[in-house]
N, C-alpha and C. Protein backbone atom coordinates (compact mmCIF):
# COMPACT_ATOMS: atom_id res chain seq x y z
N MET A 1 10.38 -4.35 8.23
CA MET A 1 10.36 -5.26 7.11
C MET A 1 11.17 -4.66 5.98
N SER A 2 12.05 -5.40 5.40
CA SER A 2 12.78 -4.94 4.24
C SER A 2 12.29 -5.72 3.03
N VAL A 3 12.42 -5.12 1.86
CA VAL A 3 12.00 -5.78 0.64
C VAL A 3 13.05 -6.81 0.25
N GLN A 4 12.60 -8.02 0.00
CA GLN A 4 13.49 -9.07 -0.47
C GLN A 4 12.90 -9.65 -1.74
N ASP A 5 13.74 -9.94 -2.72
CA ASP A 5 13.27 -10.50 -3.98
C ASP A 5 13.05 -11.99 -3.82
N ASN A 6 11.99 -12.48 -4.49
CA ASN A 6 11.81 -13.92 -4.56
C ASN A 6 12.60 -14.44 -5.76
N ASN A 7 12.46 -15.69 -6.09
CA ASN A 7 13.24 -16.28 -7.19
C ASN A 7 12.87 -15.70 -8.55
N GLU A 8 11.72 -15.06 -8.66
CA GLU A 8 11.27 -14.50 -9.93
C GLU A 8 11.65 -13.02 -10.06
N GLY A 9 12.38 -12.47 -9.12
CA GLY A 9 12.81 -11.08 -9.18
C GLY A 9 11.78 -10.09 -8.69
N ARG A 10 10.64 -10.55 -8.22
CA ARG A 10 9.62 -9.66 -7.65
C ARG A 10 9.85 -9.52 -6.16
N PRO A 11 9.56 -8.35 -5.61
CA PRO A 11 9.72 -8.23 -4.16
C PRO A 11 8.70 -9.10 -3.42
N GLU A 12 9.12 -9.66 -2.31
CA GLU A 12 8.21 -10.42 -1.46
C GLU A 12 7.31 -9.43 -0.75
N LEU A 13 6.03 -9.70 -0.77
CA LEU A 13 5.06 -8.83 -0.12
C LEU A 13 4.72 -9.36 1.27
N GLY A 14 4.37 -8.46 2.16
CA GLY A 14 3.90 -8.86 3.47
C GLY A 14 2.51 -9.45 3.36
N PRO A 15 1.96 -9.93 4.46
CA PRO A 15 0.62 -10.51 4.44
C PRO A 15 -0.44 -9.43 4.17
N VAL A 16 -1.60 -9.87 3.74
CA VAL A 16 -2.73 -8.95 3.55
C VAL A 16 -3.16 -8.44 4.92
N GLU A 17 -3.32 -7.14 5.02
CA GLU A 17 -3.71 -6.50 6.28
C GLU A 17 -4.83 -5.49 6.03
N TRP A 18 -5.62 -5.25 7.05
CA TRP A 18 -6.63 -4.20 6.99
C TRP A 18 -6.03 -2.91 7.51
N GLY A 19 -6.39 -1.83 6.85
CA GLY A 19 -5.96 -0.51 7.29
C GLY A 19 -7.08 0.49 7.10
N LYS A 20 -6.82 1.71 7.49
CA LYS A 20 -7.79 2.79 7.37
C LYS A 20 -7.08 4.00 6.77
N VAL A 21 -7.70 4.60 5.75
CA VAL A 21 -7.13 5.78 5.10
C VAL A 21 -7.23 6.96 6.07
N VAL A 22 -6.07 7.59 6.34
CA VAL A 22 -6.05 8.66 7.35
C VAL A 22 -5.57 10.00 6.81
N GLU A 23 -5.00 10.02 5.59
CA GLU A 23 -4.42 11.27 5.09
C GLU A 23 -4.18 11.15 3.59
N TYR A 24 -4.28 12.29 2.90
CA TYR A 24 -3.97 12.37 1.47
C TYR A 24 -2.74 13.24 1.23
N HIS A 25 -2.01 12.91 0.17
CA HIS A 25 -0.93 13.74 -0.35
C HIS A 25 -1.09 13.74 -1.86
N LEU A 26 -0.39 14.62 -2.55
CA LEU A 26 -0.46 14.64 -4.01
C LEU A 26 0.08 13.35 -4.62
N TRP A 27 1.00 12.69 -3.92
CA TRP A 27 1.69 11.52 -4.45
C TRP A 27 1.11 10.19 -3.96
N GLY A 28 0.09 10.24 -3.09
CA GLY A 28 -0.52 9.01 -2.59
C GLY A 28 -1.32 9.27 -1.34
N TYR A 29 -1.71 8.21 -0.68
CA TYR A 29 -2.47 8.35 0.57
C TYR A 29 -1.84 7.51 1.67
N VAL A 30 -2.14 7.89 2.89
CA VAL A 30 -1.56 7.25 4.07
C VAL A 30 -2.63 6.39 4.73
N ALA A 31 -2.21 5.20 5.15
CA ALA A 31 -3.11 4.28 5.84
C ALA A 31 -2.50 3.86 7.17
N LYS A 32 -3.36 3.71 8.15
CA LYS A 32 -2.96 3.20 9.46
C LYS A 32 -3.40 1.74 9.54
N LEU A 33 -2.45 0.84 9.80
CA LEU A 33 -2.76 -0.59 9.87
C LEU A 33 -3.50 -0.91 11.15
N ASN A 34 -4.56 -1.69 11.04
CA ASN A 34 -5.41 -1.98 12.19
C ASN A 34 -4.68 -2.72 13.31
N ASP A 35 -3.99 -3.79 12.97
CA ASP A 35 -3.40 -4.64 14.01
C ASP A 35 -2.20 -4.01 14.70
N SER A 36 -1.29 -3.44 13.92
CA SER A 36 -0.06 -2.92 14.51
C SER A 36 -0.12 -1.43 14.84
N GLY A 37 -1.03 -0.71 14.18
CA GLY A 37 -1.07 0.74 14.34
C GLY A 37 -0.01 1.46 13.53
N ASP A 38 0.79 0.72 12.75
CA ASP A 38 1.81 1.33 11.91
C ASP A 38 1.15 2.19 10.83
N ILE A 39 1.87 3.22 10.42
CA ILE A 39 1.41 4.13 9.39
C ILE A 39 2.26 3.90 8.15
N GLY A 40 1.61 3.81 6.99
CA GLY A 40 2.34 3.58 5.75
C GLY A 40 1.74 4.34 4.59
N LEU A 41 2.52 4.49 3.54
CA LEU A 41 2.12 5.23 2.35
C LEU A 41 1.77 4.27 1.22
N VAL A 42 0.60 4.50 0.62
CA VAL A 42 0.23 3.87 -0.64
C VAL A 42 0.47 4.93 -1.70
N ASP A 43 1.58 4.84 -2.43
CA ASP A 43 1.82 5.88 -3.44
C ASP A 43 0.90 5.64 -4.63
N ALA A 44 0.75 6.65 -5.47
CA ALA A 44 -0.20 6.59 -6.58
C ALA A 44 0.03 5.36 -7.45
N VAL A 45 1.28 5.00 -7.73
CA VAL A 45 1.58 3.86 -8.58
C VAL A 45 1.09 2.55 -7.95
N SER A 46 1.08 2.48 -6.63
CA SER A 46 0.66 1.27 -5.93
C SER A 46 -0.80 1.31 -5.48
N SER A 47 -1.54 2.31 -5.94
CA SER A 47 -2.92 2.47 -5.47
C SER A 47 -3.92 1.64 -6.25
N HIS A 48 -3.63 1.31 -7.49
CA HIS A 48 -4.59 0.57 -8.31
C HIS A 48 -3.86 -0.09 -9.47
N ASP A 49 -4.41 -1.18 -9.97
CA ASP A 49 -3.83 -1.86 -11.13
C ASP A 49 -3.98 -1.05 -12.41
N LEU A 50 -5.10 -0.37 -12.57
CA LEU A 50 -5.36 0.39 -13.80
C LEU A 50 -4.79 1.79 -13.71
N LEU A 51 -4.02 2.17 -14.72
CA LEU A 51 -3.39 3.48 -14.74
C LEU A 51 -4.39 4.61 -14.55
N GLU A 52 -5.53 4.53 -15.21
CA GLU A 52 -6.52 5.61 -15.14
C GLU A 52 -7.20 5.71 -13.77
N ARG A 53 -7.00 4.73 -12.90
CA ARG A 53 -7.59 4.76 -11.55
C ARG A 53 -6.57 5.17 -10.48
N ARG A 54 -5.39 5.59 -10.89
CA ARG A 54 -4.33 5.98 -9.95
C ARG A 54 -4.34 7.47 -9.65
N ILE A 55 -5.48 8.08 -9.77
CA ILE A 55 -5.61 9.52 -9.53
C ILE A 55 -6.38 9.75 -8.23
N PRO A 56 -6.16 10.88 -7.58
CA PRO A 56 -6.80 11.14 -6.29
C PRO A 56 -8.32 10.98 -6.30
N ASP A 57 -8.98 11.32 -7.40
CA ASP A 57 -10.43 11.19 -7.46
C ASP A 57 -10.90 9.74 -7.32
N CYS A 58 -10.02 8.79 -7.58
CA CYS A 58 -10.37 7.37 -7.51
C CYS A 58 -9.87 6.68 -6.24
N TRP A 59 -9.15 7.40 -5.40
CA TRP A 59 -8.64 6.80 -4.17
C TRP A 59 -9.77 6.60 -3.17
N PRO A 60 -9.59 5.68 -2.21
CA PRO A 60 -10.61 5.50 -1.18
C PRO A 60 -10.78 6.79 -0.36
N ALA A 61 -11.94 6.95 0.21
CA ALA A 61 -12.24 8.14 1.02
C ALA A 61 -11.51 8.08 2.36
N LEU A 62 -11.29 9.24 2.94
CA LEU A 62 -10.73 9.28 4.30
C LEU A 62 -11.64 8.48 5.23
N GLY A 63 -11.04 7.63 6.04
CA GLY A 63 -11.79 6.80 6.97
C GLY A 63 -12.18 5.45 6.42
N ASP A 64 -12.04 5.24 5.10
CA ASP A 64 -12.39 3.94 4.51
C ASP A 64 -11.44 2.86 4.99
N ARG A 65 -12.00 1.67 5.22
CA ARG A 65 -11.19 0.48 5.51
C ARG A 65 -10.71 -0.09 4.20
N ILE A 66 -9.44 -0.43 4.13
CA ILE A 66 -8.86 -0.96 2.90
C ILE A 66 -7.96 -2.15 3.22
N LYS A 67 -7.79 -3.01 2.23
CA LYS A 67 -6.82 -4.10 2.32
C LYS A 67 -5.53 -3.64 1.66
N VAL A 68 -4.42 -3.91 2.32
CA VAL A 68 -3.10 -3.55 1.79
C VAL A 68 -2.12 -4.67 2.10
N ARG A 69 -0.97 -4.58 1.47
CA ARG A 69 0.17 -5.45 1.79
C ARG A 69 1.40 -4.57 1.90
N GLN A 70 2.31 -4.94 2.76
CA GLN A 70 3.55 -4.18 2.91
C GLN A 70 4.49 -4.49 1.75
N LEU A 71 5.07 -3.43 1.19
CA LEU A 71 6.08 -3.55 0.14
C LEU A 71 7.49 -3.50 0.72
N GLY A 72 7.61 -2.94 1.90
CA GLY A 72 8.92 -2.77 2.52
C GLY A 72 9.03 -1.40 3.13
N VAL A 73 10.26 -1.02 3.44
CA VAL A 73 10.52 0.26 4.08
C VAL A 73 11.44 1.06 3.17
N ALA A 74 11.05 2.30 2.89
CA ALA A 74 11.87 3.19 2.07
C ALA A 74 13.13 3.57 2.84
N PRO A 75 14.18 4.03 2.14
CA PRO A 75 15.40 4.46 2.82
C PRO A 75 15.14 5.53 3.89
N SER A 76 14.07 6.30 3.73
CA SER A 76 13.73 7.32 4.71
C SER A 76 13.12 6.73 5.98
N GLY A 77 12.82 5.42 5.95
CA GLY A 77 12.18 4.78 7.09
C GLY A 77 10.67 4.67 6.98
N GLN A 78 10.11 5.21 5.90
CA GLN A 78 8.66 5.19 5.72
C GLN A 78 8.20 3.82 5.23
N LEU A 79 7.18 3.27 5.88
CA LEU A 79 6.58 2.01 5.47
C LEU A 79 5.85 2.22 4.15
N ARG A 80 6.12 1.36 3.18
CA ARG A 80 5.46 1.42 1.88
C ARG A 80 4.43 0.31 1.78
N LEU A 81 3.26 0.66 1.25
CA LEU A 81 2.15 -0.28 1.13
C LEU A 81 1.66 -0.33 -0.30
N THR A 82 1.00 -1.43 -0.66
CA THR A 82 0.32 -1.53 -1.94
C THR A 82 -1.15 -1.83 -1.71
N GLY A 83 -1.97 -1.20 -2.52
CA GLY A 83 -3.40 -1.45 -2.51
C GLY A 83 -3.87 -2.07 -3.81
N ARG A 84 -2.93 -2.41 -4.71
CA ARG A 84 -3.31 -3.01 -6.00
C ARG A 84 -3.95 -4.37 -5.76
N GLN A 85 -5.08 -4.60 -6.39
CA GLN A 85 -5.78 -5.87 -6.22
C GLN A 85 -4.92 -7.05 -6.66
N SER A 86 -4.11 -6.85 -7.71
CA SER A 86 -3.24 -7.95 -8.17
C SER A 86 -2.23 -8.34 -7.09
N ASP A 87 -1.76 -7.39 -6.29
CA ASP A 87 -0.86 -7.68 -5.19
C ASP A 87 -1.60 -8.34 -4.03
N ILE A 88 -2.80 -7.86 -3.75
CA ILE A 88 -3.62 -8.45 -2.67
C ILE A 88 -3.90 -9.91 -2.96
N ASP A 89 -4.16 -10.24 -4.22
CA ASP A 89 -4.54 -11.59 -4.62
C ASP A 89 -3.38 -12.57 -4.70
N LEU A 90 -2.13 -12.08 -4.71
CA LEU A 90 -0.98 -12.98 -4.81
C LEU A 90 -0.89 -13.89 -3.59
N ASN A 91 -0.50 -15.13 -3.81
CA ASN A 91 -0.31 -16.06 -2.69
C ASN A 91 1.10 -16.02 -2.19
């Protein structure tokens, strides 16, 4: 999936998917998508709508089921995900 802009200049998001938190990094956490088995990164900026909740202490626990949407694929080939509720709620 590549990121494509809609008419409003925002990237088009993939569908809402369930995933499981499988790994932490200083810059975000990794989730494995249930249906496809793909692995993607939820970086700190995409982890929560509130700035003060974008810290590791506020991230979901390892093994937690989470809802995410695909943001696209980074130039490195890494799948990028968002866990922000505002993104999950978009139609």
